Amino acid sequence: MKKIIWLAAIALLLSGAPELPAQTGISREYQVKAVFLFNFAQFIAWPTNAFADPQTPMTIGVLGDDPFDSFLDETVRGEKVGEHPLVIQHYRRIEDVQGCQILFISRSEDGQTGRILAGLKDKNILTVGDSDGFIKDGGIVRFVMEENKIHFRINLEAAKSANLAISSKLLRLAEIVEPGSD
């Protein structure tokens, strides 16, 4: 039931929902993206070896500058995916990324995105970004702003390479793109 509610929330956000309450300096754009990151966790299946045990936390990481302020932390506080409690980790360097299932790569890393994604290739990490060229560089999900609404594109080949299964419910909301495009 919770998945259906969140799927409806995603659809509402895509349709241009009214403004979310303002947070300390965080834009509406990144509030919506934080909710998407939380919801992605609900609609992706990771291989069993992506977790040490069934109660291991599911980690959403942010690499580079954090555009979400505290909103992402607030969004996942007290939430679980299956038996996995959700936690947020912040990383300054790609070498620090350990035990992460979803990684948002900040625009502050733009000059290094290709190197970062190459270092994560074949790892069970859903890579998400909003920079131009993110899919072309090998990312899995890219946020795009079109007509003042946030949409997302998914590179299924990169997801397959990471051994991730994406629910058809999520795929229906996405634009599926070929590797090398953006």
C-alpha atoms as a PDB file:
ATOM      1  CA  MET A   1       0.000   0.000   0.000  1.00  0.00           C
ATOM      2  CA  LYS A   2       2.830   2.389   0.893  1.00  0.00           C
ATOM      3  CA  LYS A   3       4.345   1.889  -2.591  1.00  0.00           C
ATOM      4  CA  ILE A   4       1.074   2.896  -4.243  1.00  0.00           C
ATOM      5  CA  ILE A   5       0.902   6.052  -2.134  1.00  0.00           C
ATOM      6  CA  TRP A   6       4.472   6.983  -3.068  1.00  0.00           C
ATOM      7  CA  LEU A   7       3.861   6.207  -6.724  1.00  0.00           C
ATOM      8  CA  ALA A   8       0.888   8.572  -6.593  1.00  0.00           C
ATOM      9  CA  ALA A   9       3.089  11.184  -4.903  1.00  0.00           C
ATOM     10  CA  ILE A  10       5.647  10.888  -7.688  1.00  0.00           C
ATOM     11  CA  ALA A  11       2.940  11.311 -10.308  1.00  0.00           C
ATOM     12  CA  LEU A  12       1.666  14.381  -8.455  1.00  0.00           C
ATOM     13  CA  LEU A  13       5.164  15.867  -8.361  1.00  0.00           C
ATOM     14  CA  LEU A  14       5.589  15.257 -12.082  1.00  0.00           C
ATOM     15  CA  SER A  15       2.313  16.969 -12.827  1.00  0.00           C
ATOM     16  CA  GLY A  16       3.381  20.254 -11.272  1.00  0.00           C
ATOM     17  CA  ALA A  17       2.120  19.959  -7.711  1.00  0.00           C
ATOM     18  CA  PRO A  18       1.747  23.053  -5.541  1.00  0.00           C
ATOM     19  CA  GLU A  19       4.806  24.370  -3.757  1.00  0.00           C
ATOM     20  CA  LEU A  20       6.311  22.263  -1.006  1.00  0.00           C
ATOM     21  CA  PRO A  21       6.886  24.030   2.301  1.00  0.00           C
ATOM     22  CA  ALA A  22      10.054  26.073   2.257  1.00  0.00           C
ATOM     23  CA  GLN A  23      13.077  24.745   4.079  1.00  0.00           C
ATOM     24  CA  THR A  24      16.157  26.660   5.122  1.00  0.00           C
ATOM     25  CA  GLY A  25      17.432  27.856   1.755  1.00  0.00           C
ATOM     26  CA  ILE A  26      16.733  24.646  -0.156  1.00  0.00           C
ATOM     27  CA  SER A  27      15.055  25.072  -3.506  1.00  0.00           C
ATOM     28  CA  ARG A  28      11.777  23.397  -4.386  1.00  0.00           C
ATOM     29  CA  GLU A  29      13.701  21.574  -7.112  1.00  0.00           C
ATOM     30  CA  TYR A  30      15.912  19.779  -4.600  1.00  0.00           C
ATOM     31  CA  GLN A  31      13.003  19.067  -2.263  1.00  0.00           C
ATOM     32  CA  VAL A  32      11.326  17.210  -5.133  1.00  0.00           C
ATOM     33  CA  LYS A  33      14.585  15.435  -6.034  1.00  0.00           C
ATOM     34  CA  ALA A  34      14.985  14.319  -2.399  1.00  0.00           C
ATOM     35  CA  VAL A  35      11.525  12.747  -2.498  1.00  0.00           C
ATOM     36  CA  PHE A  36      12.425  11.039  -5.769  1.00  0.00           C
ATOM     37  CA  LEU A  37      15.600   9.578  -4.223  1.00  0.00           C
ATOM     38  CA  PHE A  38      13.559   8.173  -1.346  1.00  0.00           C
ATOM     39  CA  ASN A  39      11.034   6.717  -3.783  1.00  0.00           C
ATOM     40  CA  PHE A  40      13.689   5.194  -6.025  1.00  0.00           C
ATOM     41  CA  ALA A  41      14.647   3.013  -3.060  1.00  0.00           C
ATOM     42  CA  GLN A  42      11.111   1.597  -3.074  1.00  0.00           C
ATOM     43  CA  PHE A  43      11.197   0.555  -6.746  1.00  0.00           C
ATOM     44  CA  ILE A  44      14.689  -0.883  -7.249  1.00  0.00           C
ATOM     45  CA  ALA A  45      15.706  -4.452  -6.425  1.00  0.00           C
ATOM     46  CA  TRP A  46      19.316  -4.941  -5.371  1.00  0.00           C
ATOM     47  CA  PRO A  47      21.068  -8.307  -5.432  1.00  0.00           C
ATOM     48  CA  THR A  48      21.125 -10.015  -2.043  1.00  0.00           C
ATOM     49  CA  ASN A  49      24.895  -9.524  -1.756  1.00  0.00           C
ATOM     50  CA  ALA A  50      24.391  -5.722  -1.760  1.00  0.00           C
ATOM     51  CA  PHE A  51      23.554  -6.007   1.958  1.00  0.00           C
ATOM     52  CA  ALA A  52      25.509  -7.783   4.705  1.00  0.00           C
ATOM     53  CA  ASP A  53      22.230  -9.045   6.222  1.00  0.00           C
ATOM     54  CA  PRO A  54      18.475  -8.328   5.966  1.00  0.00           C
ATOM     55  CA  GLN A  55      18.611  -5.546   8.590  1.00  0.00           C
ATOM     56  CA  THR A  56      21.653  -3.734   7.168  1.00  0.00           C
ATOM     57  CA  PRO A  57      20.734  -0.103   6.521  1.00  0.00           C
ATOM     58  CA  MET A  58      20.084   1.035   2.975  1.00  0.00           C
ATOM     59  CA  THR A  59      22.328   3.993   2.331  1.00  0.00           C
ATOM     60  CA  ILE A  60      21.538   6.970   0.144  1.00  0.00           C
ATOM     61  CA  GLY A  61      24.787   8.816  -0.381  1.00  0.00           C
ATOM     62  CA  VAL A  62      25.536  12.310  -1.611  1.00  0.00           C
ATOM     63  CA  LEU A  63      28.932  12.785  -3.237  1.00  0.00           C
ATOM     64  CA  GLY A  64      30.223  16.357  -3.223  1.00  0.00           C
ATOM     65  CA  ASP A  65      28.330  19.452  -2.113  1.00  0.00           C
ATOM     66  CA  ASP A  66      24.920  18.641  -0.610  1.00  0.00           C
ATOM     67  CA  PRO A  67      22.194  20.575  -2.473  1.00  0.00           C
ATOM     68  CA  PHE A  68      19.496  19.013  -0.261  1.00  0.00           C
ATOM     69  CA  ASP A  69      20.549  20.757   2.958  1.00  0.00           C
ATOM     70  CA  SER A  70      18.804  18.696   5.673  1.00  0.00           C
ATOM     71  CA  PHE A  71      15.691  17.940   3.592  1.00  0.00           C
ATOM     72  CA  LEU A  72      16.910  14.538   2.357  1.00  0.00           C
ATOM     73  CA  ASP A  73      17.730  13.506   5.942  1.00  0.00           C
ATOM     74  CA  GLU A  74      14.273  14.630   7.079  1.00  0.00           C
ATOM     75  CA  THR A  75      12.603  12.798   4.184  1.00  0.00           C
ATOM     76  CA  VAL A  76      14.056   9.390   5.099  1.00  0.00           C
ATOM     77  CA  ARG A  77      14.125   9.739   8.894  1.00  0.00           C
ATOM     78  CA  GLY A  78      12.451   6.683  10.449  1.00  0.00           C
ATOM     79  CA  GLU A  79      11.712   5.102   7.043  1.00  0.00           C
ATOM     80  CA  LYS A  80      12.543   1.562   5.932  1.00  0.00           C
ATOM     81  CA  VAL A  81      12.679  -0.323   2.673  1.00  0.00           C
ATOM     82  CA  GLY A  82      11.697  -3.845   3.606  1.00  0.00           C
ATOM     83  CA  GLU A  83      13.676  -4.475   6.769  1.00  0.00           C
ATOM     84  CA  HIS A  84      16.417  -2.009   5.796  1.00  0.00           C
ATOM     85  CA  PRO A  85      16.343   1.308   7.680  1.00  0.00           C
ATOM     86  CA  LEU A  86      17.246   4.218   5.407  1.00  0.00           C
ATOM     87  CA  VAL A  87      20.297   6.323   6.243  1.00  0.00           C
ATOM     88  CA  ILE A  88      22.026   9.233   4.532  1.00  0.00           C
ATOM     89  CA  GLN A  89      25.802   9.469   4.114  1.00  0.00           C
ATOM     90  CA  HIS A  90      27.801  12.387   2.766  1.00  0.00           C
ATOM     91  CA  TYR A  91      31.015  11.749   0.862  1.00  0.00           C
ATOM     92  CA  ARG A  92      33.724  14.140  -0.206  1.00  0.00           C
ATOM     93  CA  ARG A  93      35.686  11.643  -2.331  1.00  0.00           C
ATOM     94  CA  ILE A  94      34.662   8.644  -4.418  1.00  0.00           C
ATOM     95  CA  GLU A  95      37.180   6.541  -2.487  1.00  0.00           C
ATOM     96  CA  ASP A  96      35.053   7.058   0.653  1.00  0.00           C
ATOM     97  CA  VAL A  97      31.910   5.510  -0.869  1.00  0.00           C
ATOM     98  CA  GLN A  98      31.342   2.167   0.905  1.00  0.00           C
ATOM     99  CA  GLY A  99      28.142   0.159   1.418  1.00  0.00           C
ATOM    100  CA  CYS A 100      26.044   2.664  -0.509  1.00  0.00           C
ATOM    101  CA  GLN A 101      23.009   1.574  -2.540  1.00  0.00           C
ATOM    102  CA  ILE A 102      21.951   4.936  -4.051  1.00  0.00           C
ATOM    103  CA  LEU A 103      24.499   7.644  -4.808  1.00  0.00           C
ATOM    104  CA  PHE A 104      23.534  11.157  -5.844  1.00  0.00           C
ATOM    105  CA  ILE A 105      26.500  12.775  -7.563  1.00  0.00           C
ATOM    106  CA  SER A 106      26.367  16.519  -7.006  1.00  0.00           C
ATOM    107  CA  ARG A 107      27.014  19.110  -9.674  1.00  0.00           C
ATOM    108  CA  SER A 108      30.088  20.111  -7.685  1.00  0.00           C
ATOM    109  CA  GLU A 109      31.687  16.962  -9.142  1.00  0.00           C
ATOM    110  CA  ASP A 110      30.934  17.882 -12.782  1.00  0.00           C
ATOM    111  CA  GLY A 111      34.534  17.842 -13.965  1.00  0.00           C
ATOM    112  CA  GLN A 112      35.031  14.355 -12.532  1.00  0.00           C
ATOM    113  CA  THR A 113      31.720  12.635 -13.310  1.00  0.00           C
ATOM    114  CA  GLY A 114      33.151  10.321 -15.968  1.00  0.00           C
ATOM    115  CA  ARG A 115      35.979   9.173 -13.662  1.00  0.00           C
ATOM    116  CA  ILE A 116      33.570   8.731 -10.731  1.00  0.00           C
ATOM    117  CA  LEU A 117      31.108   6.649 -12.732  1.00  0.00           C
ATOM    118  CA  ALA A 118      33.914   4.556 -14.234  1.00  0.00           C
ATOM    119  CA  GLY A 119      35.068   3.790 -10.668  1.00  0.00           C
ATOM    120  CA  LEU A 120      31.551   2.635  -9.745  1.00  0.00           C
ATOM    121  CA  LYS A 121      31.001   0.537 -12.880  1.00  0.00           C
ATOM    122  CA  ASP A 122      29.647  -2.936 -12.123  1.00  0.00           C
ATOM    123  CA  LYS A 123      28.985  -2.060  -8.458  1.00  0.00           C
ATOM    124  CA  ASN A 124      25.456  -2.478  -7.107  1.00  0.00           C
ATOM    125  CA  ILE A 125      24.902   1.277  -6.784  1.00  0.00           C
ATOM    126  CA  LEU A 126      22.063   3.253  -8.340  1.00  0.00           C
ATOM    127  CA  THR A 127      23.883   6.349  -9.590  1.00  0.00           C
ATOM    128  CA  VAL A 128      21.769   9.491  -9.842  1.00  0.00           C
ATOM    129  CA  GLY A 129      22.704  12.960 -11.025  1.00  0.00           C
ATOM    130  CA  ASP A 130      21.365  16.057 -12.681  1.00  0.00           C
ATOM    131  CA  SER A 131      24.339  17.230 -14.724  1.00  0.00           C
ATOM    132  CA  ASP A 132      24.488  17.453 -18.489  1.00  0.00           C
ATOM    133  CA  GLY A 133      26.201  14.356 -19.845  1.00  0.00           C
ATOM    134  CA  PHE A 134      25.411  12.223 -16.770  1.00  0.00           C
ATOM    135  CA  ILE A 135      23.885   9.356 -18.767  1.00  0.00           C
ATOM    136  CA  LYS A 136      26.531   9.701 -21.479  1.00  0.00           C
ATOM    137  CA  ASP A 137      29.203   9.275 -18.787  1.00  0.00           C
ATOM    138  CA  GLY A 138      27.545   6.018 -17.614  1.00  0.00           C
ATOM    139  CA  GLY A 139      25.087   7.197 -14.945  1.00  0.00           C
ATOM    140  CA  ILE A 140      21.842   5.309 -14.393  1.00  0.00           C
ATOM    141  CA  VAL A 141      19.283   8.034 -13.556  1.00  0.00           C
ATOM    142  CA  ARG A 142      19.451  11.663 -14.601  1.00  0.00           C
ATOM    143  CA  PHE A 143      17.057  14.341 -13.390  1.00  0.00           C
ATOM    144  CA  VAL A 144      16.040  16.845 -16.052  1.00  0.00           C
ATOM    145  CA  MET A 145      13.945  19.987 -15.816  1.00  0.00           C
ATOM    146  CA  GLU A 146      11.464  20.380 -18.672  1.00  0.00           C
ATOM    147  CA  GLU A 147       8.674  22.934 -18.789  1.00  0.00           C
ATOM    148  CA  ASN A 148       9.276  23.748 -15.133  1.00  0.00           C
ATOM    149  CA  LYS A 149       8.768  20.109 -14.073  1.00  0.00           C
ATOM    150  CA  ILE A 150      11.274  17.521 -12.933  1.00  0.00           C
ATOM    151  CA  HIS A 151      11.478  14.371 -15.013  1.00  0.00           C
ATOM    152  CA  PHE A 152      14.018  11.617 -15.044  1.00  0.00           C
ATOM    153  CA  ARG A 153      15.780   9.535 -17.626  1.00  0.00           C
ATOM    154  CA  ILE A 154      16.979   5.989 -17.043  1.00  0.00           C
ATOM    155  CA  ASN A 155      19.847   4.177 -18.735  1.00  0.00           C
ATOM    156  CA  LEU A 156      18.711   0.533 -18.521  1.00  0.00           C
ATOM    157  CA  GLU A 157      22.022  -0.806 -19.780  1.00  0.00           C
ATOM    158  CA  ALA A 158      23.888   0.906 -16.927  1.00  0.00           C
ATOM    159  CA  ALA A 159      21.300  -0.435 -14.438  1.00  0.00           C
ATOM    160  CA  LYS A 160      21.785  -3.941 -15.814  1.00  0.00           C
ATOM    161  CA  SER A 161      25.560  -3.543 -15.530  1.00  0.00           C
ATOM    162  CA  ALA A 162      25.067  -2.616 -11.846  1.00  0.00           C
ATOM    163  CA  ASN A 163      22.876  -5.729 -11.427  1.00  0.00           C
ATOM    164  CA  LEU A 164      19.846  -3.628 -10.458  1.00  0.00           C
ATOM    165  CA  ALA A 165      16.251  -4.454 -11.383  1.00  0.00           C
ATOM    166  CA  ILE A 166      13.988  -1.443 -11.848  1.00  0.00           C
ATOM    167  CA  SER A 167      10.248  -1.879 -11.297  1.00  0.00           C
ATOM    168  CA  SER A 168       8.045  -1.410 -14.337  1.00  0.00           C
ATOM    169  CA  LYS A 169       6.021   1.047 -12.229  1.00  0.00           C
ATOM    170  CA  LEU A 170       9.044   3.347 -12.045  1.00  0.00           C
ATOM    171  CA  LEU A 171      10.010   2.754 -15.680  1.00  0.00           C
ATOM    172  CA  ARG A 172       6.563   3.950 -16.818  1.00  0.00           C
ATOM    173  CA  LEU A 173       7.318   7.351 -15.299  1.00  0.00           C
ATOM    174  CA  ALA A 174      10.777   7.617 -16.867  1.00  0.00           C
ATOM    175  CA  GLU A 175      12.189   8.329 -20.278  1.00  0.00           C
ATOM    176  CA  ILE A 176      14.327   5.329 -21.201  1.00  0.00           C
ATOM    177  CA  VAL A 177      17.509   6.420 -22.960  1.00  0.00           C
ATOM    178  CA  GLU A 178      20.294   4.613 -24.744  1.00  0.00           C
ATOM    179  CA  PRO A 179      23.845   4.615 -23.377  1.00  0.00           C
ATOM    180  CA  GLY A 180      25.817   7.452 -24.919  1.00  0.00           C
ATOM    181  CA  SER A 181      22.781   9.728 -25.141  1.00  0.00           C
ATOM    182  CA  ASP A 182      21.580  12.176 -22.572  1.00  0.00           C
END
